[in-house]
N, C-alpha and C. Protein backbone atom coordinates (compact mmCIF):
# COMPACT_ATOMS: atom_id res chain seq x y z
N UNK A 1 4.97 5.46 -18.66
CA UNK A 1 4.24 5.31 -17.40
C UNK A 1 3.16 4.24 -17.58
N UNK A 2 3.06 3.37 -16.60
CA UNK A 2 2.06 2.31 -16.70
C UNK A 2 0.68 2.85 -16.32
N UNK A 3 -0.31 2.14 -16.79
CA UNK A 3 -1.69 2.49 -16.52
C UNK A 3 -2.04 2.13 -15.08
N UNK A 4 -2.91 2.91 -14.47
CA UNK A 4 -3.35 2.63 -13.10
C UNK A 4 -4.13 1.32 -13.10
N UNK A 5 -3.80 0.44 -12.15
CA UNK A 5 -4.46 -0.86 -12.07
C UNK A 5 -5.49 -0.83 -10.94
N UNK A 6 -6.74 -0.64 -11.34
CA UNK A 6 -7.83 -0.53 -10.37
C UNK A 6 -8.04 -1.83 -9.60
N UNK A 7 -7.78 -2.97 -10.21
CA UNK A 7 -7.94 -4.24 -9.51
C UNK A 7 -6.94 -4.38 -8.37
N UNK A 8 -5.69 -4.03 -8.61
CA UNK A 8 -4.69 -4.07 -7.54
C UNK A 8 -5.02 -3.07 -6.44
N UNK A 9 -5.43 -1.88 -6.85
CA UNK A 9 -5.81 -0.86 -5.88
C UNK A 9 -6.93 -1.36 -4.98
N UNK A 10 -8.01 -1.87 -5.59
CA UNK A 10 -9.18 -2.31 -4.84
C UNK A 10 -8.85 -3.49 -3.92
N UNK A 11 -8.09 -4.44 -4.42
CA UNK A 11 -7.72 -5.61 -3.61
C UNK A 11 -6.87 -5.18 -2.42
N UNK A 12 -5.93 -4.28 -2.66
CA UNK A 12 -5.07 -3.80 -1.59
C UNK A 12 -5.87 -3.03 -0.55
N UNK A 13 -6.69 -2.10 -1.00
CA UNK A 13 -7.47 -1.28 -0.08
C UNK A 13 -8.39 -2.15 0.77
N UNK A 14 -9.10 -3.06 0.13
CA UNK A 14 -10.03 -3.93 0.85
C UNK A 14 -9.30 -4.78 1.89
N UNK A 15 -8.20 -5.38 1.50
CA UNK A 15 -7.45 -6.24 2.42
C UNK A 15 -6.91 -5.44 3.61
N UNK A 16 -6.40 -4.25 3.34
CA UNK A 16 -5.84 -3.44 4.42
C UNK A 16 -6.92 -2.99 5.40
N UNK A 17 -8.05 -2.53 4.89
CA UNK A 17 -9.13 -2.07 5.75
C UNK A 17 -9.71 -3.24 6.55
N UNK A 18 -9.85 -4.39 5.91
CA UNK A 18 -10.35 -5.58 6.62
C UNK A 18 -9.45 -5.96 7.79
N UNK A 19 -8.19 -5.64 7.69
CA UNK A 19 -7.25 -5.97 8.76
C UNK A 19 -7.09 -4.82 9.75
N UNK A 20 -7.96 -3.83 9.65
CA UNK A 20 -7.99 -2.77 10.64
C UNK A 20 -7.13 -1.56 10.36
N UNK A 21 -6.54 -1.49 9.18
CA UNK A 21 -5.71 -0.32 8.85
C UNK A 21 -6.59 0.92 8.74
N UNK A 22 -6.09 2.06 9.21
CA UNK A 22 -6.85 3.30 9.04
C UNK A 22 -7.09 3.56 7.55
N UNK A 23 -8.31 3.93 7.19
CA UNK A 23 -8.63 4.13 5.77
C UNK A 23 -7.69 5.09 5.04
N UNK A 24 -7.24 6.14 5.71
CA UNK A 24 -6.36 7.11 5.03
C UNK A 24 -5.00 6.49 4.71
N UNK A 25 -4.48 5.65 5.60
CA UNK A 25 -3.21 4.96 5.33
C UNK A 25 -3.41 3.89 4.25
N UNK A 26 -4.53 3.18 4.33
CA UNK A 26 -4.84 2.16 3.32
C UNK A 26 -4.99 2.80 1.94
N UNK A 27 -5.64 3.95 1.89
CA UNK A 27 -5.83 4.66 0.62
C UNK A 27 -4.49 5.06 0.02
N UNK A 28 -3.63 5.65 0.84
CA UNK A 28 -2.33 6.12 0.34
C UNK A 28 -1.49 4.95 -0.20
N UNK A 29 -1.41 3.88 0.56
CA UNK A 29 -0.62 2.72 0.12
C UNK A 29 -1.23 2.07 -1.11
N UNK A 30 -2.54 1.97 -1.15
CA UNK A 30 -3.22 1.33 -2.28
C UNK A 30 -3.08 2.15 -3.56
N UNK A 31 -3.06 3.46 -3.45
CA UNK A 31 -2.81 4.31 -4.62
C UNK A 31 -1.43 3.99 -5.20
N UNK A 32 -0.45 3.83 -4.33
CA UNK A 32 0.91 3.49 -4.78
C UNK A 32 0.90 2.14 -5.48
N UNK A 33 0.27 1.16 -4.86
CA UNK A 33 0.23 -0.19 -5.43
C UNK A 33 -0.47 -0.19 -6.79
N UNK A 34 -1.52 0.60 -6.91
CA UNK A 34 -2.22 0.69 -8.19
C UNK A 34 -1.37 1.28 -9.31
N UNK A 35 -0.38 2.10 -8.93
CA UNK A 35 0.51 2.73 -9.92
C UNK A 35 1.79 1.94 -10.16
N UNK A 36 2.05 0.91 -9.35
CA UNK A 36 3.30 0.16 -9.49
C UNK A 36 3.52 -0.32 -10.92
N UNK A 37 4.78 -0.22 -11.35
CA UNK A 37 5.18 -0.65 -12.69
C UNK A 37 6.32 -1.65 -12.54
N UNK A 38 6.01 -2.92 -12.71
CA UNK A 38 6.99 -3.99 -12.53
C UNK A 38 8.19 -3.92 -13.45
N UNK A 39 8.10 -3.13 -14.51
CA UNK A 39 9.21 -3.01 -15.45
C UNK A 39 10.25 -1.98 -14.99
N UNK A 40 9.94 -1.24 -13.93
CA UNK A 40 10.84 -0.20 -13.44
C UNK A 40 11.47 -0.60 -12.12
N UNK A 41 12.66 -0.04 -11.87
CA UNK A 41 13.31 -0.24 -10.57
C UNK A 41 12.38 0.25 -9.47
N UNK A 42 12.32 -0.50 -8.39
CA UNK A 42 11.48 -0.15 -7.24
C UNK A 42 10.04 0.12 -7.66
N UNK A 43 9.62 -0.54 -8.73
CA UNK A 43 8.26 -0.42 -9.27
C UNK A 43 7.91 1.00 -9.70
N UNK A 44 8.92 1.84 -9.88
CA UNK A 44 8.70 3.22 -10.29
C UNK A 44 8.23 4.12 -9.16
N UNK A 45 8.41 3.67 -7.93
CA UNK A 45 7.95 4.45 -6.78
C UNK A 45 8.89 5.61 -6.47
N UNK A 46 8.28 6.72 -6.06
CA UNK A 46 9.04 7.86 -5.56
C UNK A 46 9.33 7.62 -4.08
N UNK A 47 10.14 8.47 -3.49
CA UNK A 47 10.42 8.36 -2.05
C UNK A 47 9.12 8.54 -1.26
N UNK A 48 8.26 9.43 -1.71
CA UNK A 48 6.97 9.65 -1.04
C UNK A 48 6.08 8.41 -1.15
N UNK A 49 6.07 7.80 -2.34
CA UNK A 49 5.31 6.56 -2.52
C UNK A 49 5.81 5.48 -1.56
N UNK A 50 7.12 5.31 -1.50
CA UNK A 50 7.68 4.28 -0.64
C UNK A 50 7.35 4.55 0.82
N UNK A 51 7.32 5.81 1.21
CA UNK A 51 6.99 6.15 2.59
C UNK A 51 5.55 5.75 2.92
N UNK A 52 4.63 5.92 1.98
CA UNK A 52 3.23 5.51 2.20
C UNK A 52 3.15 4.01 2.42
N UNK A 53 3.91 3.25 1.65
CA UNK A 53 3.93 1.79 1.81
C UNK A 53 4.60 1.43 3.14
N UNK A 54 5.70 2.09 3.46
CA UNK A 54 6.38 1.83 4.73
C UNK A 54 5.46 2.11 5.92
N UNK A 55 4.69 3.20 5.83
CA UNK A 55 3.77 3.56 6.91
C UNK A 55 2.75 2.46 7.17
N UNK A 56 2.17 1.91 6.11
CA UNK A 56 1.16 0.87 6.29
C UNK A 56 1.80 -0.42 6.79
N UNK A 57 3.00 -0.73 6.31
CA UNK A 57 3.69 -1.93 6.79
C UNK A 57 4.02 -1.80 8.28
N UNK A 58 4.46 -0.62 8.67
CA UNK A 58 4.77 -0.36 10.08
C UNK A 58 3.51 -0.54 10.93
N UNK A 59 2.41 0.02 10.47
CA UNK A 59 1.14 -0.10 11.19
C UNK A 59 0.75 -1.57 11.34
N UNK A 60 0.79 -2.32 10.24
CA UNK A 60 0.40 -3.73 10.28
C UNK A 60 1.31 -4.54 11.18
N UNK A 61 2.61 -4.23 11.18
CA UNK A 61 3.54 -4.95 12.05
C UNK A 61 3.24 -4.66 13.52
N UNK A 62 2.95 -3.41 13.84
CA UNK A 62 2.62 -3.05 15.22
C UNK A 62 1.36 -3.78 15.67
N UNK A 63 0.36 -3.85 14.80
CA UNK A 63 -0.88 -4.56 15.12
C UNK A 63 -0.62 -6.04 15.33
N UNK A 64 0.21 -6.62 14.49
CA UNK A 64 0.55 -8.04 14.60
C UNK A 64 1.28 -8.31 15.92
N UNK A 65 2.22 -7.45 16.26
CA UNK A 65 2.97 -7.61 17.50
C UNK A 65 2.05 -7.48 18.72
N UNK A 66 1.08 -6.57 18.65
CA UNK A 66 0.15 -6.35 19.76
C UNK A 66 -0.76 -7.55 19.98
N UNK A 67 -1.05 -8.29 18.92
CA UNK A 67 -1.94 -9.44 19.02
C UNK A 67 -1.23 -10.69 19.52
N UNK A 68 0.08 -10.67 19.55
CA UNK A 68 0.84 -11.87 19.97
C UNK A 68 1.10 -11.88 21.44
């Protein structure tokens, strides 16, 4: 298991919140990103992990579409 990467977590959380993502969704996705392991398939994500990332991507896409 790879070590938690606080720099990736912090960068992800900050960027997501700055773009208006709800803090709870940003937190969940950033926790996943901080645990990502590039040496593993799908970065070692579980189905639950991937759902947290999908949720934030969906939110950001909806926001982007609304602004256009």
